[in-house]
Amino acid sequence: MIPGHPAHRFNSRKVVAPIGVRKRTLIVGTAVAALLTMGTASAAIAGGDDTEPCTPQAAWTEAIHHDGVTHVVHHDAVTRTVHHDAVTHLVQVPAVTHVVHHDAIAAGANPWWNWSPNYAQGPQDYTPDFPTDSRGTWHFHPENGGPMQDAFGTFQTGGGNSPFFHREQGTPGVDAYDETVVDVPAHDETVTDVAAHDETIEVSKAYDATVTDVAERNETVEHDAVTCDDGPAEEPAEEPTEESPVRSVTEASPVSSVTEESPAHNSAAGSPAAHNLAVARSSSAAAAAVPTSIDAGL
């Protein structure tokens, strides 16, 4: 502490510039502040800070719709076969005929034969066989005649050596007549009205069925709120002394430090830019001090 000057609550070693040099102090302080600001901007650019900016956000609910998963199954038509018998009816077809006329035929003569024995003497005690017998000969007569014309077969006219005769029935007479000749006999004919056939009846039609493999659904996702960390708080700014409410100069460094509280400074103290500015000020003060001379005679 310098005798004659009260101790500052934030800095135990502080020298208040005389009133005659305050104008130069203000100019130097303004230049230092400009250099510090430029250094902070350069450091931020050179550092390549690619951290994404933090955007606060309230908790929210996301609704996601999932479509159903399906596939199509084809079903063939279902059929059955029905047999239908033929539909028929009977038709009687009469015979096909024609008529043939036959004239009358007169009855034929009754042919007869007489017997002659071979070298026979005396009474004949046998009946010869007809039509042939080795003991004699039968002689044919085609017209009607001979004895006993009503007698047929082999017969003898008398006893002893009387001759033998044979007579056959002649062809009987036939009266005239008409003969019906059948060309096609009468018959029943089956007429087909409807032929036998098989009919295919459709029990159910072919169709495509959609089968659901996974049902559609709605999913709800809860998102937490997003909060941002403003970083470490900046050291409180130095308050001006009673002698100079605007500027003060410390003895610790040849660089004049200028502190000035303002509403804009306090409102940005917690921002990332303010934090970067504070770090740049502390590093710049130690590494690149700007020499400053104060003319006490001004």
Protein backbone atom coordinates (compact mmCIF):
# COMPACT_ATOMS: atom_id res chain seq x y z
CA MET A 1 0.00 0.00 0.00
CA ILE A 2 1.23 3.47 -0.89
CA PRO A 3 1.11 5.95 1.97
CA GLY A 4 -1.52 8.57 1.56
CA HIS A 5 -3.81 6.37 -0.63
CA PRO A 6 -6.61 4.15 0.65
CA ALA A 7 -6.44 0.42 -0.07
CA HIS A 8 -8.77 -0.79 -2.92
CA ARG A 9 -10.97 -3.67 -2.11
CA PHE A 10 -10.06 -5.63 -5.25
CA ASN A 11 -6.39 -4.70 -5.64
CA SER A 12 -3.99 -4.19 -2.70
CA ARG A 13 -1.52 -2.30 -4.89
CA LYS A 14 -3.11 0.46 -6.89
CA VAL A 15 -1.73 3.86 -7.86
CA VAL A 16 -4.19 6.52 -8.80
CA ALA A 17 -2.88 8.72 -11.53
CA PRO A 18 -2.64 12.40 -10.75
CA ILE A 19 -5.24 14.66 -12.20
CA GLY A 20 -2.69 16.19 -14.56
CA VAL A 21 -1.99 12.84 -16.22
CA ARG A 22 -5.55 11.48 -16.40
CA LYS A 23 -5.99 12.58 -19.98
CA ARG A 24 -2.90 10.63 -21.07
CA THR A 25 -4.02 7.65 -18.97
CA LEU A 26 -7.38 7.61 -20.73
CA ILE A 27 -5.69 7.58 -24.14
CA VAL A 28 -3.28 4.81 -23.15
CA GLY A 29 -6.06 2.75 -21.57
CA THR A 30 -8.16 3.02 -24.72
CA ALA A 31 -5.24 1.78 -26.84
CA VAL A 32 -4.61 -1.14 -24.50
CA ALA A 33 -8.29 -2.12 -24.57
CA ALA A 34 -8.24 -2.09 -28.36
CA LEU A 35 -5.13 -4.29 -28.43
CA LEU A 36 -6.70 -6.74 -25.98
CA THR A 37 -9.86 -6.93 -28.06
CA MET A 38 -7.86 -7.61 -31.24
CA GLY A 39 -5.77 -10.24 -29.44
CA THR A 40 -8.87 -12.03 -28.21
CA ALA A 41 -10.40 -12.13 -31.70
CA SER A 42 -7.12 -13.37 -33.20
CA ALA A 43 -6.77 -16.07 -30.55
CA ALA A 44 -10.31 -17.27 -31.18
CA ILE A 45 -9.70 -17.45 -34.93
CA ALA A 46 -6.27 -19.14 -34.60
CA GLY A 47 -7.57 -21.65 -32.06
CA GLY A 48 -10.12 -22.95 -34.57
CA ASP A 49 -12.78 -23.58 -31.93
CA ASP A 50 -15.17 -25.85 -33.83
CA THR A 51 -17.45 -26.55 -30.85
CA GLU A 52 -21.08 -26.36 -31.98
CA PRO A 53 -23.01 -23.57 -30.28
CA CYS A 54 -25.28 -24.70 -27.53
CA THR A 55 -28.98 -23.93 -28.04
CA PRO A 56 -31.19 -24.35 -25.01
CA GLN A 57 -34.36 -26.29 -25.65
CA ALA A 58 -37.29 -27.37 -23.53
CA ALA A 59 -38.22 -31.02 -23.12
CA TRP A 60 -40.41 -32.23 -25.96
CA THR A 61 -42.21 -35.33 -27.26
CA GLU A 62 -41.57 -36.71 -30.77
CA ALA A 63 -44.25 -38.84 -32.43
CA ILE A 64 -42.92 -41.32 -35.03
CA HIS A 65 -45.33 -43.22 -37.29
CA HIS A 66 -44.24 -46.66 -38.54
CA ASP A 67 -46.11 -48.00 -41.55
CA GLY A 68 -47.28 -51.59 -41.49
CA VAL A 69 -45.34 -54.30 -43.33
CA THR A 70 -47.56 -56.43 -45.57
CA HIS A 71 -47.38 -58.96 -48.41
CA VAL A 72 -49.98 -60.14 -50.88
CA VAL A 73 -51.08 -63.79 -51.10
CA HIS A 74 -52.96 -64.89 -54.24
CA HIS A 75 -55.77 -67.40 -53.78
CA ASP A 76 -56.93 -69.32 -56.86
CA ALA A 77 -60.59 -69.79 -57.57
CA VAL A 78 -62.26 -72.82 -55.96
CA THR A 79 -64.27 -74.88 -58.44
CA ARG A 80 -66.08 -78.21 -58.68
CA THR A 81 -67.19 -80.26 -61.67
CA VAL A 82 -70.83 -81.34 -62.10
CA HIS A 83 -71.68 -84.03 -64.65
CA HIS A 84 -74.92 -83.61 -66.58
CA ASP A 85 -76.42 -86.63 -68.32
CA ALA A 86 -77.78 -86.31 -71.81
CA VAL A 87 -81.39 -85.25 -72.22
CA THR A 88 -83.12 -87.53 -74.75
CA HIS A 89 -86.53 -88.65 -75.97
CA LEU A 90 -87.66 -91.69 -77.96
CA VAL A 91 -89.12 -91.48 -81.44
CA GLN A 92 -90.83 -94.57 -82.93
CA VAL A 93 -89.80 -94.93 -86.54
CA PRO A 94 -92.24 -97.03 -88.60
CA ALA A 95 -90.99 -99.75 -90.91
CA VAL A 96 -90.09 -98.93 -94.45
CA THR A 97 -91.78 -101.46 -96.79
CA HIS A 98 -92.90 -102.07 -100.31
CA VAL A 99 -95.50 -104.47 -101.74
CA VAL A 100 -94.72 -107.30 -104.19
CA HIS A 101 -97.66 -108.97 -106.04
CA HIS A 102 -97.58 -112.73 -106.60
CA ASP A 103 -99.86 -114.31 -109.19
CA ALA A 104 -101.80 -117.50 -108.49
CA ILE A 105 -100.02 -120.83 -109.05
CA ALA A 106 -102.10 -123.80 -110.22
CA ALA A 107 -101.75 -127.05 -108.39
CA GLY A 108 -99.26 -129.47 -110.00
CA ALA A 109 -99.99 -133.02 -111.23
CA ASN A 110 -99.65 -136.00 -108.90
CA PRO A 111 -96.75 -137.96 -110.38
CA TRP A 112 -96.87 -141.77 -110.18
CA TRP A 113 -94.66 -144.81 -110.86
CA ASN A 114 -95.37 -148.43 -111.84
CA TRP A 115 -93.16 -151.43 -110.77
CA SER A 116 -91.63 -154.06 -113.13
CA PRO A 117 -89.93 -157.11 -111.43
CA ASN A 118 -86.81 -158.74 -112.96
CA TYR A 119 -87.42 -162.28 -114.27
CA ALA A 120 -90.00 -162.95 -111.57
CA GLN A 121 -92.28 -166.03 -112.07
CA GLY A 122 -95.28 -166.83 -110.07
CA PRO A 123 -96.86 -164.77 -107.30
CA GLN A 124 -94.85 -161.79 -105.94
CA ASP A 125 -94.75 -162.11 -102.17
CA TYR A 126 -92.94 -158.80 -101.36
CA THR A 127 -93.51 -155.05 -101.65
CA PRO A 128 -90.72 -153.36 -103.61
CA ASP A 129 -88.78 -150.51 -101.99
CA PHE A 130 -89.28 -146.99 -103.39
CA PRO A 131 -87.58 -145.24 -105.09
CA THR A 132 -85.10 -148.04 -105.87
CA ASP A 133 -85.11 -151.87 -105.48
CA SER A 134 -82.63 -154.29 -107.05
CA ARG A 135 -85.38 -156.76 -107.79
CA GLY A 136 -86.95 -154.52 -110.41
CA THR A 137 -87.47 -151.01 -111.86
CA TRP A 138 -89.82 -148.14 -111.07
CA HIS A 139 -91.07 -146.26 -114.14
CA PHE A 140 -91.92 -142.52 -113.69
CA HIS A 141 -95.08 -140.82 -115.05
CA PRO A 142 -95.25 -136.97 -114.40
CA GLU A 143 -98.91 -136.39 -115.37
CA ASN A 144 -101.98 -137.40 -113.55
CA GLY A 145 -103.06 -140.97 -114.42
CA GLY A 146 -102.75 -144.60 -113.48
CA PRO A 147 -105.03 -146.72 -111.43
CA MET A 148 -106.48 -145.71 -108.09
CA GLN A 149 -105.68 -141.97 -108.46
CA ASP A 150 -106.78 -141.19 -104.90
CA ALA A 151 -104.20 -143.67 -103.53
CA PHE A 152 -100.76 -142.28 -102.60
CA GLY A 153 -97.57 -144.07 -101.71
CA THR A 154 -96.72 -147.67 -102.82
CA PHE A 155 -99.77 -149.81 -103.36
CA GLN A 156 -100.93 -152.96 -105.31
CA THR A 157 -104.12 -153.08 -107.33
CA GLY A 158 -104.87 -156.69 -106.48
CA GLY A 159 -103.35 -159.88 -105.15
CA GLY A 160 -101.05 -162.46 -106.71
CA ASN A 161 -99.01 -161.23 -109.61
CA SER A 162 -100.91 -157.90 -109.90
CA PRO A 163 -98.57 -155.00 -110.45
CA PHE A 164 -97.35 -152.42 -107.83
CA PHE A 165 -97.73 -148.64 -108.17
CA HIS A 166 -96.44 -145.53 -106.37
CA ARG A 167 -97.97 -142.03 -106.36
CA GLU A 168 -96.73 -138.74 -104.82
CA GLN A 169 -98.76 -135.65 -103.87
CA GLY A 170 -98.31 -133.04 -106.56
CA THR A 171 -97.43 -129.33 -105.93
CA PRO A 172 -100.45 -127.69 -104.29
CA GLY A 173 -101.96 -124.69 -106.01
CA VAL A 174 -101.27 -121.15 -104.66
CA ASP A 175 -103.77 -118.28 -104.91
CA ALA A 176 -102.57 -114.84 -106.08
CA TYR A 177 -101.41 -112.56 -103.22
CA ASP A 178 -99.49 -109.34 -102.39
CA GLU A 179 -96.33 -109.65 -100.33
CA THR A 180 -95.14 -106.75 -98.15
CA VAL A 181 -91.38 -106.59 -98.24
CA VAL A 182 -89.75 -104.76 -95.25
CA ASP A 183 -86.89 -102.57 -96.30
CA VAL A 184 -86.23 -101.06 -92.81
CA PRO A 185 -87.89 -102.64 -89.78
CA ALA A 186 -89.83 -100.43 -87.41
CA HIS A 187 -87.67 -99.27 -84.50
CA ASP A 188 -87.36 -96.77 -81.64
CA GLU A 189 -84.84 -94.00 -82.22
CA THR A 190 -83.28 -92.08 -79.31
CA VAL A 191 -83.06 -88.36 -80.11
CA THR A 192 -80.55 -86.30 -78.05
CA ASP A 193 -81.93 -82.92 -77.02
CA VAL A 194 -78.94 -81.94 -74.81
CA ALA A 195 -75.66 -83.83 -74.99
CA ALA A 196 -74.04 -85.12 -71.83
CA HIS A 197 -71.44 -82.67 -70.54
CA ASP A 198 -69.36 -81.64 -67.54
CA GLU A 199 -69.97 -78.20 -66.05
CA THR A 200 -67.37 -76.34 -63.95
CA ILE A 201 -69.05 -74.42 -61.12
CA GLU A 202 -67.09 -71.67 -59.36
CA VAL A 203 -67.50 -72.01 -55.60
CA SER A 204 -65.38 -68.94 -54.78
CA LYS A 205 -63.65 -66.46 -57.03
CA ALA A 206 -59.89 -65.97 -57.20
CA TYR A 207 -58.70 -63.08 -55.04
CA ASP A 208 -55.61 -61.43 -53.56
CA ALA A 209 -55.37 -61.21 -49.78
CA THR A 210 -53.13 -58.67 -48.05
CA VAL A 211 -51.40 -60.28 -45.07
CA THR A 212 -50.03 -57.97 -42.36
CA ASP A 213 -46.59 -59.05 -41.18
CA VAL A 214 -46.02 -56.07 -38.88
CA ALA A 215 -48.91 -53.81 -37.90
CA GLU A 216 -48.55 -50.08 -38.28
CA ARG A 217 -47.86 -48.26 -35.04
CA ASN A 218 -47.11 -44.89 -33.53
CA GLU A 219 -43.99 -44.52 -31.39
CA THR A 220 -43.52 -41.74 -28.87
CA VAL A 221 -39.97 -40.64 -28.02
CA GLU A 222 -39.45 -38.34 -25.04
CA HIS A 223 -36.57 -35.87 -25.43
CA ASP A 224 -35.02 -34.26 -22.35
CA ALA A 225 -34.54 -30.55 -22.08
CA VAL A 226 -31.26 -29.10 -23.36
CA THR A 227 -29.45 -26.69 -21.04
CA CYS A 228 -26.26 -24.80 -21.79
CA ASP A 229 -23.32 -24.24 -19.41
CA ASP A 230 -22.24 -20.58 -19.63
CA GLY A 231 -18.67 -21.42 -18.45
CA PRO A 232 -16.71 -19.97 -15.47
CA ALA A 233 -17.76 -16.57 -14.22
CA GLU A 234 -15.48 -13.60 -14.98
CA GLU A 235 -13.71 -11.80 -12.15
CA PRO A 236 -15.57 -8.74 -10.98
CA ALA A 237 -14.56 -5.53 -12.67
CA GLU A 238 -12.62 -2.94 -10.63
CA GLU A 239 -14.60 -0.10 -9.28
CA PRO A 240 -13.30 3.43 -9.95
CA THR A 241 -11.69 5.38 -7.13
CA GLU A 242 -12.98 8.58 -5.69
CA GLU A 243 -10.24 10.61 -7.38
CA SER A 244 -11.02 9.24 -10.88
CA PRO A 245 -14.42 7.68 -11.49
CA VAL A 246 -13.37 6.63 -15.02
CA ARG A 247 -9.77 5.27 -15.09
CA SER A 248 -7.13 3.77 -12.74
CA VAL A 249 -3.54 2.71 -13.30
CA THR A 250 -1.91 -0.13 -11.35
CA GLU A 251 1.72 -0.34 -10.35
CA ALA A 252 2.10 -4.04 -11.05
CA SER A 253 2.59 -3.64 -14.76
CA PRO A 254 4.08 -1.04 -17.05
CA VAL A 255 0.93 -1.52 -19.13
CA SER A 256 -1.78 0.80 -17.98
CA SER A 257 -4.86 -1.21 -17.08
CA VAL A 258 -8.18 0.41 -17.69
CA THR A 259 -11.26 -0.87 -15.98
CA GLU A 260 -14.69 0.51 -16.43
CA GLU A 261 -17.93 -1.01 -15.37
CA SER A 262 -20.76 -0.67 -17.76
CA PRO A 263 -24.14 -2.40 -18.17
CA ALA A 264 -23.05 -3.94 -21.49
CA HIS A 265 -19.99 -5.50 -19.86
CA ASN A 266 -21.90 -7.03 -16.98
CA SER A 267 -24.63 -8.50 -19.18
CA ALA A 268 -22.10 -10.33 -21.35
CA ALA A 269 -19.89 -11.53 -18.49
CA GLY A 270 -21.34 -15.00 -18.50
CA SER A 271 -21.23 -15.57 -22.26
CA PRO A 272 -18.58 -17.73 -24.02
CA ALA A 273 -17.20 -14.63 -25.80
CA ALA A 274 -16.67 -12.91 -22.46
CA HIS A 275 -14.92 -15.98 -21.11
CA ASN A 276 -12.60 -16.08 -24.12
CA LEU A 277 -11.93 -12.36 -23.70
CA ALA A 278 -10.93 -12.84 -20.05
CA VAL A 279 -8.52 -15.66 -20.91
CA ALA A 280 -6.99 -13.60 -23.71
CA ARG A 281 -6.51 -10.62 -21.40
CA SER A 282 -4.70 -12.66 -18.76
CA SER A 283 -2.41 -14.33 -21.30
CA SER A 284 -1.73 -11.15 -23.26
CA ALA A 285 -0.83 -9.19 -20.14
CA ALA A 286 1.94 -11.60 -19.23
CA ALA A 287 3.34 -12.39 -22.70
CA ALA A 288 3.09 -9.17 -24.68
CA ALA A 289 3.21 -6.15 -22.48
CA VAL A 290 3.01 -2.76 -24.14
CA PRO A 291 5.46 -0.24 -22.64
CA THR A 292 3.79 3.00 -21.63
CA SER A 293 5.29 6.29 -20.31
CA ILE A 294 3.26 8.74 -18.37
CA ASP A 295 4.35 12.35 -18.46
CA ALA A 296 3.68 13.64 -14.97
CA GLY A 297 4.16 17.16 -16.09
CA LEU A 298 1.00 17.16 -18.28
